[in-house]
C-alpha atoms as a PDB file:
ATOM      1  CA  MET A   1      74.290  18.557 111.231  1.00  0.00           C
ATOM      2  CA  ILE A   2      77.319  18.306 108.990  1.00  0.00           C
ATOM      3  CA  TRP A   3      76.203  19.428 105.772  1.00  0.00           C
ATOM      4  CA  ILE A   4      74.905  22.468 108.132  1.00  0.00           C
ATOM      5  CA  ALA A   5      78.271  22.733 110.169  1.00  0.00           C
ATOM      6  CA  ASP A   6      80.064  22.521 106.842  1.00  0.00           C
ATOM      7  CA  THR A   7      77.447  25.919 105.804  1.00  0.00           C
ATOM      8  CA  LEU A   8      77.937  27.569 108.642  1.00  0.00           C
ATOM      9  CA  ALA A   9      81.875  27.543 108.627  1.00  0.00           C
ATOM     10  CA  VAL A  10      82.019  28.518 105.251  1.00  0.00           C
ATOM     11  CA  MET A  11      80.030  31.585 105.416  1.00  0.00           C
ATOM     12  CA  ASP A  12      82.242  32.512 108.153  1.00  0.00           C
ATOM     13  CA  ILE A  13      85.261  32.271 106.047  1.00  0.00           C
ATOM     14  CA  ALA A  14      84.015  34.383 103.321  1.00  0.00           C
ATOM     15  CA  GLN A  15      83.549  36.954 106.034  1.00  0.00           C
ATOM     16  CA  ASP A  16      86.342  36.659 107.139  1.00  0.00           C
ATOM     17  CA  PRO A  17      88.102  40.409 106.269  1.00  0.00           C
ATOM     18  CA  GLU A  18      91.744  39.228 105.837  1.00  0.00           C
ATOM     19  CA  PHE A  19      90.376  36.169 104.543  1.00  0.00           C
ATOM     20  CA  CYS A  20      88.668  38.094 101.508  1.00  0.00           C
ATOM     21  CA  SER A  21      91.562  40.526 101.756  1.00  0.00           C
ATOM     22  CA  MET A  22      93.904  37.694 100.674  1.00  0.00           C
ATOM     23  CA  ILE A  23      91.704  36.121  98.427  1.00  0.00           C
ATOM     24  CA  ASP A  24      91.260  39.240  96.629  1.00  0.00           C
ATOM     25  CA  ARG A  25      94.983  39.827  95.905  1.00  0.00           C
ATOM     26  CA  LEU A  26      96.244  36.009  95.305  1.00  0.00           C
ATOM     27  CA  ARG A  27      92.951  37.269  92.475  1.00  0.00           C
ATOM     28  CA  ASP A  28      94.827  40.181  90.823  1.00  0.00           C
ATOM     29  CA  GLU A  29      97.952  37.516  91.222  1.00  0.00           C
ATOM     30  CA  ILE A  30      96.609  35.666  88.574  1.00  0.00           C
ATOM     31  CA  GLN A  31      94.868  37.246  86.847  1.00  0.00           C
ATOM     32  CA  ASN A  32      98.376  39.264  86.125  1.00  0.00           C
ATOM     33  CA  GLY A  33      99.909  35.938  85.703  1.00  0.00           C
ATOM     34  CA  SER A  34      99.107  32.232  83.789  1.00  0.00           C
ATOM     35  CA  GLU A  35      95.947  31.999  82.285  1.00  0.00           C
ATOM     36  CA  ALA A  36      96.424  28.118  83.274  1.00  0.00           C
ATOM     37  CA  ASP A  37      96.462  29.643  87.156  1.00  0.00           C
ATOM     38  CA  ARG A  38      92.676  30.709  86.570  1.00  0.00           C
ATOM     39  CA  LYS A  39      90.681  28.014  86.778  1.00  0.00           C
ATOM     40  CA  PRO A  40      93.039  25.981  89.209  1.00  0.00           C
ATOM     41  CA  PHE A  41      92.201  28.679  91.468  1.00  0.00           C
ATOM     42  CA  GLU A  42      88.632  28.910  91.656  1.00  0.00           C
ATOM     43  CA  GLU A  43      88.127  25.800  91.663  1.00  0.00           C
ATOM     44  CA  LEU A  44      90.513  25.758  95.292  1.00  0.00           C
ATOM     45  CA  LEU A  45      87.814  28.483  96.068  1.00  0.00           C
ATOM     46  CA  ALA A  46      85.453  26.414  96.178  1.00  0.00           C
ATOM     47  CA  THR A  47      86.806  23.775  97.754  1.00  0.00           C
ATOM     48  CA  GLU A  48      85.841  22.949 101.406  1.00  0.00           C
ATOM     49  CA  GLY A  49      87.495  20.501 103.976  1.00  0.00           C
ATOM     50  CA  ARG A  50      90.347  19.587 105.929  1.00  0.00           C
ATOM     51  CA  GLU A  51      91.853  16.822 104.001  1.00  0.00           C
ATOM     52  CA  ALA A  52      92.071  18.623 100.552  1.00  0.00           C
ATOM     53  CA  PHE A  53      93.719  21.520 101.588  1.00  0.00           C
ATOM     54  CA  ALA A  54      95.926  19.274 104.046  1.00  0.00           C
ATOM     55  CA  ARG A  55      96.871  17.361 100.706  1.00  0.00           C
ATOM     56  CA  VAL A  56      96.977  20.257  98.565  1.00  0.00           C
ATOM     57  CA  LEU A  57     100.521  21.265 100.901  1.00  0.00           C
ATOM     58  CA  THR A  58     102.070  17.826 100.682  1.00  0.00           C
ATOM     59  CA  ALA A  59     101.451  17.280  96.784  1.00  0.00           C
ATOM     60  CA  PRO A  60     104.624  18.300  94.409  1.00  0.00           C
ATOM     61  CA  GLY A  61     104.576  20.774  92.291  1.00  0.00           C
ATOM     62  CA  GLN A  62     101.523  23.022  94.276  1.00  0.00           C
ATOM     63  CA  PRO A  63     101.851  27.002  93.022  1.00  0.00           C
ATOM     64  CA  LEU A  64     102.650  29.323  96.115  1.00  0.00           C
ATOM     65  CA  TRP A  65      99.436  30.398  96.043  1.00  0.00           C
ATOM     66  CA  ALA A  66      97.503  27.213  96.110  1.00  0.00           C
ATOM     67  CA  ARG A  67      99.393  26.401  99.191  1.00  0.00           C
ATOM     68  CA  GLU A  68      99.116  30.165 101.203  1.00  0.00           C
ATOM     69  CA  ILE A  69      95.371  28.959 100.927  1.00  0.00           C
ATOM     70  CA  ALA A  70      95.572  26.089 101.389  1.00  0.00           C
ATOM     71  CA  ALA A  71      97.533  26.868 105.589  1.00  0.00           C
ATOM     72  CA  PHE A  72      95.387  29.691 105.586  1.00  0.00           C
ATOM     73  CA  ARG A  73      92.330  28.107 105.462  1.00  0.00           C
ATOM     74  CA  LEU A  74      93.801  24.868 107.567  1.00  0.00           C
ATOM     75  CA  GLY A  75      95.214  27.791 110.213  1.00  0.00           C
ATOM     76  CA  LEU A  76      91.834  29.045 110.792  1.00  0.00           C
ATOM     77  CA  ALA A  77      90.360  25.561 111.201  1.00  0.00           C
ATOM     78  CA  GLY A  78      92.919  24.739 114.067  1.00  0.00           C
ATOM     79  CA  ASP A  79      94.524  22.032 111.688  1.00  0.00           C
ATOM     80  CA  PRO A  80      98.520  21.494 113.016  1.00  0.00           C
ATOM     81  CA  ARG A  81      99.236  20.389 109.428  1.00  0.00           C
ATOM     82  CA  ALA A  82      99.675  24.006 108.405  1.00  0.00           C
ATOM     83  CA  PHE A  83     101.663  25.326 111.054  1.00  0.00           C
ATOM     84  CA  GLU A  84     104.958  24.655 108.766  1.00  0.00           C
ATOM     85  CA  ALA A  85     103.632  26.672 105.315  1.00  0.00           C
ATOM     86  CA  LEU A  86     102.234  29.455 107.582  1.00  0.00           C
ATOM     87  CA  VAL A  87     106.028  30.019 109.291  1.00  0.00           C
ATOM     88  CA  LEU A  88     107.549  29.686 106.131  1.00  0.00           C
ATOM     89  CA  LEU A  89     105.225  32.460 104.740  1.00  0.00           C
ATOM     90  CA  LEU A  90     105.468  34.412 107.876  1.00  0.00           C
ATOM     91  CA  ASN A  91     109.128  34.866 106.703  1.00  0.00           C
ATOM     92  CA  HIS A  92     108.479  35.712 103.111  1.00  0.00           C
ATOM     93  CA  ARG A  93     110.064  38.482 101.424  1.00  0.00           C
ATOM     94  CA  ASP A  94     106.476  39.836 100.860  1.00  0.00           C
ATOM     95  CA  PRO A  95     104.723  41.047 103.240  1.00  0.00           C
ATOM     96  CA  GLU A  96     101.114  40.660 102.810  1.00  0.00           C
ATOM     97  CA  ARG A  97     101.195  37.227 102.123  1.00  0.00           C
ATOM     98  CA  CYS A  98     103.531  37.311 106.213  1.00  0.00           C
ATOM     99  CA  VAL A  99      99.872  39.062 107.270  1.00  0.00           C
ATOM    100  CA  SER A 100      97.997  36.936 106.416  1.00  0.00           C
ATOM    101  CA  ALA A 101     100.623  33.743 107.733  1.00  0.00           C
ATOM    102  CA  ALA A 102     100.336  36.278 110.948  1.00  0.00           C
ATOM    103  CA  TYR A 103      96.407  36.027 110.736  1.00  0.00           C
ATOM    104  CA  ALA A 104      96.063  32.677 110.405  1.00  0.00           C
ATOM    105  CA  LEU A 105      98.897  31.448 113.142  1.00  0.00           C
ATOM    106  CA  ALA A 106      97.453  33.845 115.833  1.00  0.00           C
ATOM    107  CA  ARG A 107      93.890  31.311 115.271  1.00  0.00           C
ATOM    108  CA  LEU A 108      96.182  28.718 114.791  1.00  0.00           C
ATOM    109  CA  ASP A 109      96.587  28.197 118.737  1.00  0.00           C
ATOM    110  CA  ASP A 110      99.673  25.394 118.145  1.00  0.00           C
ATOM    111  CA  PRO A 111     101.775  25.689 121.135  1.00  0.00           C
ATOM    112  CA  ARG A 112     105.188  25.828 118.400  1.00  0.00           C
ATOM    113  CA  THR A 113     103.822  28.948 116.793  1.00  0.00           C
ATOM    114  CA  ALA A 114     105.264  31.091 119.791  1.00  0.00           C
ATOM    115  CA  ARG A 115     109.003  29.485 119.463  1.00  0.00           C
ATOM    116  CA  ALA A 116     108.760  30.148 116.079  1.00  0.00           C
ATOM    117  CA  ALA A 117     107.465  33.485 115.795  1.00  0.00           C
ATOM    118  CA  ALA A 118     110.754  34.532 118.521  1.00  0.00           C
ATOM    119  CA  ALA A 119     112.968  32.552 116.757  1.00  0.00           C
ATOM    120  CA  LEU A 120     112.472  34.367 113.110  1.00  0.00           C
ATOM    121  CA  ALA A 121     111.972  37.557 115.168  1.00  0.00           C
ATOM    122  CA  THR A 122     115.911  37.435 116.775  1.00  0.00           C
ATOM    123  CA  ASN A 123     117.144  36.067 113.999  1.00  0.00           C
ATOM    124  CA  GLU A 124     119.485  39.121 112.501  1.00  0.00           C
ATOM    125  CA  LEU A 125     120.201  37.675 109.637  1.00  0.00           C
ATOM    126  CA  ARG A 126     116.308  38.225 108.466  1.00  0.00           C
ATOM    127  CA  VAL A 127     115.973  41.650 110.124  1.00  0.00           C
ATOM    128  CA  GLY A 128     114.457  43.258 107.485  1.00  0.00           C
ATOM    129  CA  TYR A 129     111.287  40.408 107.574  1.00  0.00           C
ATOM    130  CA  ALA A 130     110.817  40.919 111.611  1.00  0.00           C
ATOM    131  CA  LEU A 131     108.283  42.958 111.800  1.00  0.00           C
ATOM    132  CA  LEU A 132     105.617  40.351 111.419  1.00  0.00           C
ATOM    133  CA  PRO A 133     107.316  38.175 113.795  1.00  0.00           C
ATOM    134  CA  VAL A 134     107.632  40.585 117.018  1.00  0.00           C
ATOM    135  CA  ARG A 135     103.356  41.748 116.050  1.00  0.00           C
ATOM    136  CA  LEU A 136     103.046  38.035 116.039  1.00  0.00           C
ATOM    137  CA  LEU A 137     104.438  37.882 119.625  1.00  0.00           C
ATOM    138  CA  THR A 138     102.647  40.630 120.976  1.00  0.00           C
ATOM    139  CA  ASP A 139      99.227  39.235 119.964  1.00  0.00           C
ATOM    140  CA  LEU A 140     100.708  35.861 121.814  1.00  0.00           C
ATOM    141  CA  ARG A 141     101.407  36.583 124.496  1.00  0.00           C
ATOM    142  CA  ALA A 142     103.254  34.011 125.293  1.00  0.00           C
ATOM    143  CA  PRO A 143     105.898  33.296 128.069  1.00  0.00           C
ATOM    144  CA  GLU A 144     108.343  33.406 124.255  1.00  0.00           C
ATOM    145  CA  SER A 145     107.185  36.958 123.378  1.00  0.00           C
ATOM    146  CA  VAL A 146     108.707  39.713 126.114  1.00  0.00           C
ATOM    147  CA  PRO A 147     112.111  37.928 126.095  1.00  0.00           C
ATOM    148  CA  ALA A 148     112.382  37.968 121.987  1.00  0.00           C
ATOM    149  CA  LEU A 149     111.257  41.009 121.901  1.00  0.00           C
ATOM    150  CA  ILE A 150     113.725  42.747 124.458  1.00  0.00           C
ATOM    151  CA  THR A 151     116.007  40.472 122.325  1.00  0.00           C
ATOM    152  CA  VAL A 152     115.303  42.556 118.811  1.00  0.00           C
ATOM    153  CA  LEU A 153     114.854  46.350 120.769  1.00  0.00           C
ATOM    154  CA  GLU A 154     118.128  46.477 121.513  1.00  0.00           C
ATOM    155  CA  ARG A 155     119.551  45.397 118.723  1.00  0.00           C
ATOM    156  CA  ARG A 156     117.947  48.038 117.375  1.00  0.00           C
ATOM    157  CA  LEU A 157     118.395  50.883 119.985  1.00  0.00           C
ATOM    158  CA  ALA A 158     121.630  52.851 117.317  1.00  0.00           C
ATOM    159  CA  ALA A 159     120.409  56.476 116.231  1.00  0.00           C
ATOM    160  CA  ASP A 160     120.970  55.523 112.799  1.00  0.00           C
ATOM    161  CA  ASP A 161     119.551  51.588 112.505  1.00  0.00           C
ATOM    162  CA  PRO A 162     117.695  50.836 110.094  1.00  0.00           C
ATOM    163  CA  HIS A 163     115.612  48.871 110.579  1.00  0.00           C
ATOM    164  CA  TRP A 164     113.835  51.558 113.522  1.00  0.00           C
ATOM    165  CA  ARG A 165     110.634  49.827 112.586  1.00  0.00           C
ATOM    166  CA  VAL A 166     111.070  47.036 113.916  1.00  0.00           C
ATOM    167  CA  GLY A 167     112.338  48.253 117.085  1.00  0.00           C
ATOM    168  CA  LEU A 168     109.256  50.190 117.006  1.00  0.00           C
ATOM    169  CA  ALA A 169     106.950  47.594 117.421  1.00  0.00           C
ATOM    170  CA  CYS A 170     109.361  46.119 119.821  1.00  0.00           C
ATOM    171  CA  VAL A 171     108.377  49.296 121.988  1.00  0.00           C
ATOM    172  CA  GLU A 172     104.567  48.941 121.001  1.00  0.00           C
ATOM    173  CA  GLY A 173     104.342  45.310 121.892  1.00  0.00           C
ATOM    174  CA  LEU A 174     106.455  46.117 125.014  1.00  0.00           C
ATOM    175  CA  GLY A 175     103.841  48.705 126.294  1.00  0.00           C
ATOM    176  CA  ALA A 176     101.306  46.803 125.409  1.00  0.00           C
ATOM    177  CA  LEU A 177     102.613  43.495 127.719  1.00  0.00           C
ATOM    178  CA  GLY A 178     103.103  46.162 130.164  1.00  0.00           C
ATOM    179  CA  ASP A 179     105.860  43.529 131.871  1.00  0.00           C
ATOM    180  CA  PRO A 180     108.293  45.412 133.853  1.00  0.00           C
ATOM    181  CA  ARG A 181     111.413  43.008 132.666  1.00  0.00           C
ATOM    182  CA  ALA A 182     110.932  45.356 129.669  1.00  0.00           C
ATOM    183  CA  ARG A 183     111.857  48.747 131.463  1.00  0.00           C
ATOM    184  CA  PRO A 184     115.553  49.137 131.784  1.00  0.00           C
ATOM    185  CA  THR A 185     115.262  48.243 127.741  1.00  0.00           C
ATOM    186  CA  LEU A 186     112.719  50.980 127.226  1.00  0.00           C
ATOM    187  CA  GLU A 187     114.559  52.969 129.409  1.00  0.00           C
ATOM    188  CA  ALA A 188     117.144  52.898 127.291  1.00  0.00           C
ATOM    189  CA  ALA A 189     115.107  53.576 124.300  1.00  0.00           C
ATOM    190  CA  LEU A 190     114.222  56.923 125.222  1.00  0.00           C
ATOM    191  CA  PRO A 191     116.630  59.417 123.716  1.00  0.00           C
ATOM    192  CA  HIS A 192     116.269  57.303 120.586  1.00  0.00           C
ATOM    193  CA  PRO A 193     115.677  59.715 118.216  1.00  0.00           C
ATOM    194  CA  ARG A 194     111.983  57.946 116.257  1.00  0.00           C
ATOM    195  CA  LEU A 195     111.476  55.418 119.092  1.00  0.00           C
ATOM    196  CA  GLY A 196     112.067  57.593 122.000  1.00  0.00           C
ATOM    197  CA  GLU A 197     108.696  58.884 122.277  1.00  0.00           C
ATOM    198  CA  ALA A 198     107.122  55.317 121.946  1.00  0.00           C
ATOM    199  CA  ALA A 199     109.181  54.250 124.469  1.00  0.00           C
ATOM    200  CA  GLY A 200     107.951  56.770 127.145  1.00  0.00           C
ATOM    201  CA  GLN A 201     103.956  55.931 126.737  1.00  0.00           C
ATOM    202  CA  ALA A 202     105.072  51.879 126.909  1.00  0.00           C
ATOM    203  CA  LEU A 203     106.513  52.824 129.996  1.00  0.00           C
ATOM    204  CA  ALA A 204     103.801  54.467 131.063  1.00  0.00           C
ATOM    205  CA  ARG A 205     101.593  51.821 130.673  1.00  0.00           C
ATOM    206  CA  ILE A 206     104.184  49.466 132.714  1.00  0.00           C
ATOM    207  CA  LYS A 207     103.955  51.801 135.478  1.00  0.00           C
ATOM    208  CA  VAL A 208     100.161  52.156 135.091  1.00  0.00           C
ATOM    209  CA  ARG A 209     100.056  48.601 135.669  1.00  0.00           C
ATOM    210  CA  GLY A 210     101.449  48.322 138.997  1.00  0.00           C
ATOM    211  CA  GLY A 211     104.745  47.389 136.946  1.00  0.00           C
ATOM    212  CA  ASP A 212     107.102  49.706 139.201  1.00  0.00           C
ATOM    213  CA  THR A 213     105.893  47.308 142.039  1.00  0.00           C
ATOM    214  CA  LEU A 214     106.751  43.119 140.689  1.00  0.00           C
END
């Protein structure tokens, strides 16, 4: 029965579109990089079992691609040992790594995830990397989500703010969450040349959900 369960888990991960996208990306990186990494990469893809992946996360000298695969697999398995590595990847300068990390964190179901995403999203020194933490907060629908998105959006309301895409993600997230606490900040976003239309749509969603009466 254990062998059957492991086989089903392998089939599930092999069919996961984000896993396949991550592996294709990493394979391209390795093909363009060191030849010495190619065999270990294929060996890691054939690895099964949480303990093997946990060892990759703690062993010294492991390449980033190996830690990313191990953290992703543990995250989808709901193993909390993936948490720290995935949070670091969520704040990586490479947006594709952030996408994979956010996907795994959303499925990890760790109570620390929302707090970590809120801390990353509201860190103004790292606002250029806040897009994926903002989207993750929307997906999580955690108690930390709405306050963090409001805080970030309030900082993005200047018409010439270079990080307007982060602000737009906040507007869209607040509309999806439908919390009436967001209404004053969304109203303040209405005159914004890039955020105004989405803010109006978000406000309409809050009204449809009965937010005006709460």
